[in-house]
Each structure stands twice: as C-alpha cells, then as structure tokens.
Protein backbone atom coordinates (compact mmCIF):
# COMPACT_ATOMS: atom_id res chain seq x y z
CA MET A 1 30.39 -14.08 -3.63
CA ILE A 2 28.36 -11.66 -1.54
CA LEU A 3 25.19 -9.66 -2.11
CA VAL A 4 25.11 -5.89 -1.54
CA SER A 5 22.34 -3.30 -1.34
CA SER A 6 21.77 -1.71 -4.75
CA CYS A 7 21.67 1.80 -3.29
CA LEU A 8 25.28 1.40 -2.12
CA LEU A 9 26.34 1.13 -5.79
CA GLY A 10 24.79 4.47 -6.65
CA ILE A 11 21.57 3.00 -8.02
CA ASN A 12 18.71 5.40 -7.35
CA CYS A 13 16.44 3.03 -5.43
CA LYS A 14 16.36 4.79 -2.06
CA TYR A 15 12.94 5.93 -0.80
CA SER A 16 13.81 9.53 -1.74
CA GLY A 17 14.78 8.54 -5.28
CA GLY A 18 18.48 8.92 -4.49
CA ASN A 19 21.20 6.50 -3.47
CA ASN A 20 23.84 5.84 -0.82
CA TYR A 21 26.88 5.45 -3.08
CA GLN A 22 29.96 3.83 -1.56
CA GLU A 23 32.97 3.50 -3.85
CA LYS A 24 34.31 0.51 -1.90
CA ILE A 25 31.05 -1.39 -2.50
CA LEU A 26 31.05 -0.64 -6.23
CA LYS A 27 34.61 -1.95 -6.38
CA LEU A 28 33.45 -5.33 -5.05
CA VAL A 29 30.90 -5.61 -7.86
CA LYS A 30 33.40 -4.50 -10.52
CA GLU A 31 35.85 -7.14 -9.26
CA GLY A 32 33.17 -9.82 -9.64
CA LYS A 33 33.02 -10.43 -5.89
CA ALA A 34 29.44 -9.23 -5.36
CA ILE A 35 25.98 -9.05 -6.88
CA PHE A 36 23.32 -6.55 -5.86
CA ALA A 37 19.63 -6.26 -5.08
CA CYS A 38 17.17 -3.88 -3.44
CA PRO A 39 14.75 -5.72 -1.15
CA GLU A 40 12.26 -2.88 -1.19
CA GLN A 41 12.04 -2.81 -4.98
CA LEU A 42 11.90 -6.62 -5.10
CA GLY A 43 8.94 -6.37 -2.75
CA GLY A 44 7.06 -4.12 -5.17
CA LEU A 45 7.68 -0.70 -3.65
CA THR A 46 8.11 2.23 -6.03
CA THR A 47 10.97 4.69 -6.21
CA PRO A 48 10.57 7.30 -4.94
CA ARG A 49 8.24 6.33 -2.09
CA LEU A 50 7.28 7.65 1.31
CA PRO A 51 9.76 6.92 4.08
CA ALA A 52 8.78 3.94 6.23
CA GLU A 53 9.80 2.75 9.67
CA ILE A 54 9.24 -0.34 11.78
CA VAL A 55 6.77 -0.11 14.65
CA TYR A 56 5.79 -2.69 17.24
CA LYS A 57 2.18 -3.11 18.31
CA ASP A 58 0.68 -5.96 20.31
CA ASN A 59 3.99 -7.86 20.11
CA LYS A 60 3.89 -7.74 16.31
CA ARG A 61 6.20 -5.92 13.92
CA TYR A 62 4.80 -3.66 11.20
CA VAL A 63 6.34 -1.36 8.61
CA ILE A 64 4.35 1.85 8.36
CA ASP A 65 4.98 4.69 5.93
CA LYS A 66 4.98 8.33 6.97
CA ASN A 67 1.27 8.67 6.07
CA GLY A 68 0.36 5.71 8.30
CA LYS A 69 -0.09 3.11 5.54
CA ASP A 70 0.90 -0.46 6.45
CA VAL A 71 3.51 -1.61 3.89
CA THR A 72 4.66 -4.65 5.87
CA GLU A 73 3.68 -7.17 3.18
CA LYS A 74 5.86 -5.52 0.54
CA PHE A 75 8.85 -5.41 2.90
CA GLU A 76 8.33 -9.07 3.80
CA ARG A 77 7.93 -10.06 0.13
CA GLY A 78 11.21 -8.33 -0.73
CA ALA A 79 12.94 -10.08 2.15
CA ARG A 80 11.74 -13.47 0.92
CA GLU A 81 12.95 -12.68 -2.61
CA VAL A 82 16.43 -11.76 -1.36
CA LEU A 83 16.59 -14.96 0.68
CA LYS A 84 15.59 -16.94 -2.41
CA ILE A 85 18.43 -15.35 -4.43
CA LEU A 86 20.94 -16.08 -1.68
CA LYS A 87 19.88 -19.72 -1.41
CA GLU A 88 19.91 -20.25 -5.19
CA MET A 89 23.41 -18.77 -5.47
CA ASN A 90 24.74 -20.28 -2.22
CA ILE A 91 25.64 -16.81 -0.87
CA THR A 92 26.13 -16.60 2.89
CA LYS A 93 27.13 -12.95 3.41
CA VAL A 94 25.53 -9.59 2.60
CA ILE A 95 26.48 -5.95 2.95
CA PHE A 96 23.39 -3.85 3.54
CA LYS A 97 22.55 -0.20 4.13
CA SER A 98 22.60 0.68 7.80
CA GLN A 99 19.46 1.91 9.61
CA SER A 100 17.10 0.95 6.77
CA PRO A 101 13.74 -0.64 7.62
CA SER A 102 14.73 -3.45 5.24
CA CYS A 103 18.48 -3.65 5.57
CA GLY A 104 19.39 -2.08 8.91
CA CYS A 105 21.53 -4.26 11.15
CA GLY A 106 21.78 -3.52 14.86
CA LEU A 107 20.12 -0.09 14.71
CA ILE A 108 16.91 1.04 13.03
CA TYR A 109 14.67 4.08 13.31
CA ASP A 110 12.10 3.89 16.11
CA GLY A 111 8.90 4.36 14.08
CA THR A 112 8.28 7.99 15.08
CA PHE A 113 9.94 9.59 12.03
CA THR A 114 12.05 11.75 14.36
CA ASN A 115 15.45 10.28 13.38
CA LYS A 116 15.70 8.44 16.71
CA LEU A 117 17.53 5.13 16.51
CA ILE A 118 16.81 2.01 18.54
CA LYS A 119 18.35 -1.45 18.69
CA GLY A 120 16.88 -3.72 16.06
CA ASN A 121 17.16 -5.13 12.57
CA GLY A 122 15.37 -4.40 9.33
CA ILE A 123 12.86 -6.86 7.90
CA THR A 124 15.24 -8.43 5.37
CA THR A 125 18.18 -8.45 7.75
CA GLN A 126 16.22 -10.31 10.42
CA LEU A 127 15.00 -12.94 7.96
CA LEU A 128 18.53 -13.49 6.69
CA ILE A 129 20.03 -13.74 10.18
CA ASP A 130 17.29 -16.24 11.09
CA ASN A 131 18.43 -18.30 8.09
CA GLY A 132 22.13 -18.27 8.92
CA ILE A 133 23.23 -15.47 6.60
CA GLU A 134 25.93 -13.08 7.85
CA VAL A 135 24.77 -9.47 7.61
CA ILE A 136 27.03 -6.44 7.88
CA THR A 137 26.52 -2.83 6.80
CA GLU A 138 28.60 -0.36 4.85
CA LEU A 139 29.73 1.01 8.22
CA ASP A 140 31.44 -2.29 9.01
CA ILE A 141 33.85 -2.24 6.07
C-alpha cells in the first residue's frame, strides 16, 4: 500500500481550488494499491487559499503565503498528520505532487513567487524522508 496526494486523483484541494489529475495515480487507488490524503487540508488550510512558498530566514524554514502571512504551523501540522497515517497503516512509500511547498521532492519554489525553482523538499516530504519514508512524485512514475 502507498499513499498519494489527493490532488493527483482529481480532488479539488489545490491552493487554486483545482487539482493535478493523473490517470495513472487514480488507477492505483481503484486497484486498491493506494490511499490518499492532502497534507495542506489536514493541516487546516482552506481550499482555495493563497499560494504559499518556503522561505529561509536566520537558518529557519518558514512557509509564507503570497500576502506575507506565516502559515508554517498549518503546513507542519498537516505533515505530522500524514506521518501519523503512514505509521498507523505501516506505509513506507508515497507519491506526492512535485514542486509543492508540502509535497515537493527535490525541487520547490524559491519563496519569491516568480516560478523559480530551487533544490529542496516540501514540509511534509522532508518530515517523511527524515522518518524513513520513500517519497517520489508523479514525475517519477
């Protein structure tokens, strides 16, 4: 069993109110091989919501929305909830949405809201990697 990002199934949980539908991901769920969750919604963020990106200040990581509001706590809460689900269900692999401030793996936006990518992981992805969970994105399958 694996866990996948809800938006990849066509669930409208993306910040814009839309989704990132991937037929191959939906097939995994239909075959009973995957469950799904949205870390941002689990953290208490609404849909739609302002876009948010990770910024680094004074050697600390923050998630800031486009209006400058610090939403780090909600991103961290969602990450902890996903980790709890994975541990309870003994799941060791996830497929997440690339470049997301929660789910991005390897590349994330740089915090300037200019569509510039930098090396890094989203909040949930980093927590999962730190706990031995394998994280890939829809681009890897």
